[in-house]
Amino acid sequence: MGNDYADFQPLHENEKLRYGRAYYHNKFTMHLCNKRCQKSVVGIASDTHGQAVGFDSTKYQVPLAVAGWVLAVVDKRYESGTPLVNASSGSLTRANLFERMFRTERIVGIYQRPEYQPEWKGIVVNKRSWVKVWLSFIMYTKMIWGFLSL
């Protein structure tokens, strides 16, 4: 059914799960991004995943897209291939030149296209767009998570 591969991570108890928005890691849990191009950004909350790992029914969790295509809240339509970083609301926006050159680890995805249908396989789209989870971001995240687990 799905279009991406997700990793379930603990969500802070006071955070509301908002699909299509970016989350960052703060100590032991995930929080909705609240600063542009946020340090420790981990990924985009996915309700389009076909496969997932780490689910624990006893914990409050967020499924974060780690590979594939995810429906994301993007501030406007961009040309396909545009790199995206998180905005202060957790939505995504175009990465500026400085971010593309010096903050590449914070680029969370590459813009593909808007989804024109109101639903995708039974999932309400809410004007979201398709975003490719960025491979360099995945590799950086794996490196950080590997370092933290030492």
Protein backbone atom coordinates (compact mmCIF):
# COMPACT_ATOMS: atom_id res chain seq x y z
CA MET A 1 0.00 0.00 0.00
CA GLY A 2 2.70 2.45 0.97
CA ASN A 3 5.25 4.55 -0.77
CA ASP A 4 8.01 4.88 1.82
CA TYR A 5 9.84 3.03 4.56
CA ALA A 6 9.31 4.40 8.07
CA ASP A 7 11.10 4.13 11.40
CA PHE A 8 8.94 4.55 14.52
CA GLN A 9 10.55 6.85 17.08
CA PRO A 10 9.32 8.05 20.51
CA LEU A 11 7.24 11.23 20.28
CA HIS A 12 7.20 13.66 23.21
CA GLU A 13 3.99 13.21 25.21
CA ASN A 14 2.96 16.87 24.71
CA GLU A 15 3.43 16.78 20.92
CA LYS A 16 0.57 16.16 18.53
CA LEU A 17 1.37 13.81 15.65
CA ARG A 18 1.16 15.83 12.44
CA TYR A 19 1.71 13.80 9.29
CA GLY A 20 3.75 15.42 6.53
CA ARG A 21 5.71 17.67 8.89
CA ALA A 22 9.34 17.51 10.01
CA TYR A 23 10.46 16.42 13.48
CA TYR A 24 13.72 16.88 15.36
CA HIS A 25 15.38 14.87 18.11
CA ASN A 26 15.75 16.48 21.54
CA LYS A 27 17.31 14.25 24.20
CA PHE A 28 15.09 11.14 24.21
CA THR A 29 12.04 12.06 22.09
CA MET A 30 10.94 13.72 18.86
CA HIS A 31 9.44 17.18 18.65
CA LEU A 32 7.81 19.12 15.81
CA CYS A 33 10.42 21.42 14.21
CA ASN A 34 10.04 25.02 15.39
CA LYS A 35 13.04 26.75 13.72
CA ARG A 36 13.95 26.95 10.06
CA CYS A 37 16.58 24.40 8.97
CA GLN A 38 16.61 22.98 12.48
CA LYS A 39 19.61 21.24 13.94
CA SER A 40 18.87 17.58 14.80
CA VAL A 41 16.06 17.32 12.23
CA VAL A 42 15.33 13.61 11.87
CA GLY A 43 12.62 13.26 9.25
CA ILE A 44 9.07 13.70 7.99
CA ALA A 45 6.12 12.06 9.76
CA SER A 46 4.62 9.53 7.35
CA ASP A 47 1.12 8.16 6.95
CA THR A 48 2.04 6.69 3.54
CA HIS A 49 4.55 4.04 4.64
CA GLY A 50 4.28 0.54 3.26
CA GLN A 51 6.84 -0.95 5.62
CA ALA A 52 8.03 0.20 9.02
CA VAL A 53 10.30 -0.83 11.85
CA GLY A 54 10.43 -0.04 15.56
CA PHE A 55 6.70 0.00 16.32
CA ASP A 56 5.89 -0.46 20.01
CA SER A 57 2.21 -0.34 20.99
CA THR A 58 3.13 0.59 24.57
CA LYS A 59 4.80 3.88 23.49
CA TYR A 60 3.63 7.15 21.92
CA GLN A 61 5.52 7.18 18.61
CA VAL A 62 5.89 8.97 15.28
CA PRO A 63 6.58 7.05 12.04
CA LEU A 64 9.40 8.94 10.29
CA ALA A 65 10.06 8.37 6.58
CA VAL A 66 13.65 7.17 6.11
CA ALA A 67 13.48 6.13 2.45
CA GLY A 68 11.21 6.52 -0.56
CA TRP A 69 8.48 9.05 -1.29
CA VAL A 70 6.35 10.73 1.38
CA LEU A 71 3.41 13.14 1.28
CA ALA A 72 4.66 16.31 2.97
CA VAL A 73 3.33 19.76 3.82
CA VAL A 74 5.26 22.13 1.54
CA ASP A 75 4.79 25.92 1.67
CA LYS A 76 4.30 26.20 -2.12
CA ARG A 77 4.86 24.39 -5.38
CA TYR A 78 8.44 24.15 -6.59
CA GLU A 79 10.23 22.82 -9.63
CA SER A 80 10.81 19.07 -9.39
CA GLY A 81 14.26 18.45 -7.88
CA THR A 82 14.23 21.42 -5.48
CA PRO A 83 15.98 20.63 -2.16
CA LEU A 84 13.83 21.24 0.93
CA VAL A 85 14.51 22.06 4.58
CA ASN A 86 12.03 22.39 7.41
CA ALA A 87 10.31 25.73 8.10
CA SER A 88 9.49 27.01 11.59
CA SER A 89 6.08 25.28 11.53
CA GLY A 90 7.50 21.87 10.66
CA SER A 91 6.38 22.23 7.05
CA LEU A 92 8.97 22.19 4.26
CA THR A 93 10.39 25.06 2.24
CA ARG A 94 13.07 25.61 -0.41
CA ALA A 95 16.64 25.43 0.91
CA ASN A 96 18.55 28.64 0.26
CA LEU A 97 22.10 28.74 -1.16
CA PHE A 98 23.77 28.84 2.28
CA GLU A 99 21.75 25.83 3.45
CA ARG A 100 22.51 23.89 0.26
CA MET A 101 26.24 24.57 0.66
CA PHE A 102 26.84 24.48 4.43
CA ARG A 103 23.83 22.72 5.98
CA THR A 104 23.37 19.79 3.60
CA GLU A 105 22.77 17.43 6.53
CA ARG A 106 19.58 19.40 7.28
CA ILE A 107 18.04 18.96 3.83
CA VAL A 108 15.23 16.51 4.48
CA GLY A 109 13.91 15.91 0.98
CA ILE A 110 13.70 16.74 -2.70
CA TYR A 111 10.46 18.19 -4.06
CA GLN A 112 8.76 16.07 -6.71
CA ARG A 113 5.18 17.22 -7.38
CA PRO A 114 1.86 18.10 -5.74
CA GLU A 115 -0.73 15.36 -5.24
CA TYR A 116 -3.86 16.53 -7.04
CA GLN A 117 -6.24 13.88 -5.75
CA PRO A 118 -8.07 14.52 -2.43
CA GLU A 119 -7.15 10.98 -1.29
CA TRP A 120 -4.26 8.62 -2.01
CA LYS A 121 -5.03 4.97 -1.27
CA GLY A 122 -7.52 5.99 1.42
CA ILE A 123 -5.24 8.63 2.99
CA VAL A 124 -6.49 12.23 3.06
CA VAL A 125 -3.95 14.34 1.15
CA ASN A 126 -4.78 17.83 2.54
CA LYS A 127 -2.92 19.67 -0.27
CA ARG A 128 0.36 17.88 0.45
CA SER A 129 3.09 17.23 -2.12
CA TRP A 130 5.30 14.25 -2.88
CA VAL A 131 8.83 14.58 -1.53
CA LYS A 132 11.72 12.15 -2.03
CA VAL A 133 13.53 11.43 1.23
CA TRP A 134 17.08 12.58 0.52
CA LEU A 135 19.75 9.86 0.51
CA SER A 136 22.50 12.06 1.99
CA PHE A 137 20.11 12.93 4.82
CA ILE A 138 19.53 9.23 5.46
CA MET A 139 23.25 8.50 5.57
CA TYR A 140 23.88 11.42 7.94
CA THR A 141 21.02 10.29 10.21
CA LYS A 142 22.38 6.72 10.29
CA MET A 143 25.80 8.07 11.18
CA ILE A 144 24.39 10.16 14.07
CA TRP A 145 22.14 7.37 15.38
CA GLY A 146 25.07 4.94 15.19
CA PHE A 147 27.24 7.37 17.14
CA LEU A 148 24.54 7.88 19.78
CA SER A 149 24.15 4.15 20.31
CA LEU A 150 27.83 3.59 21.15
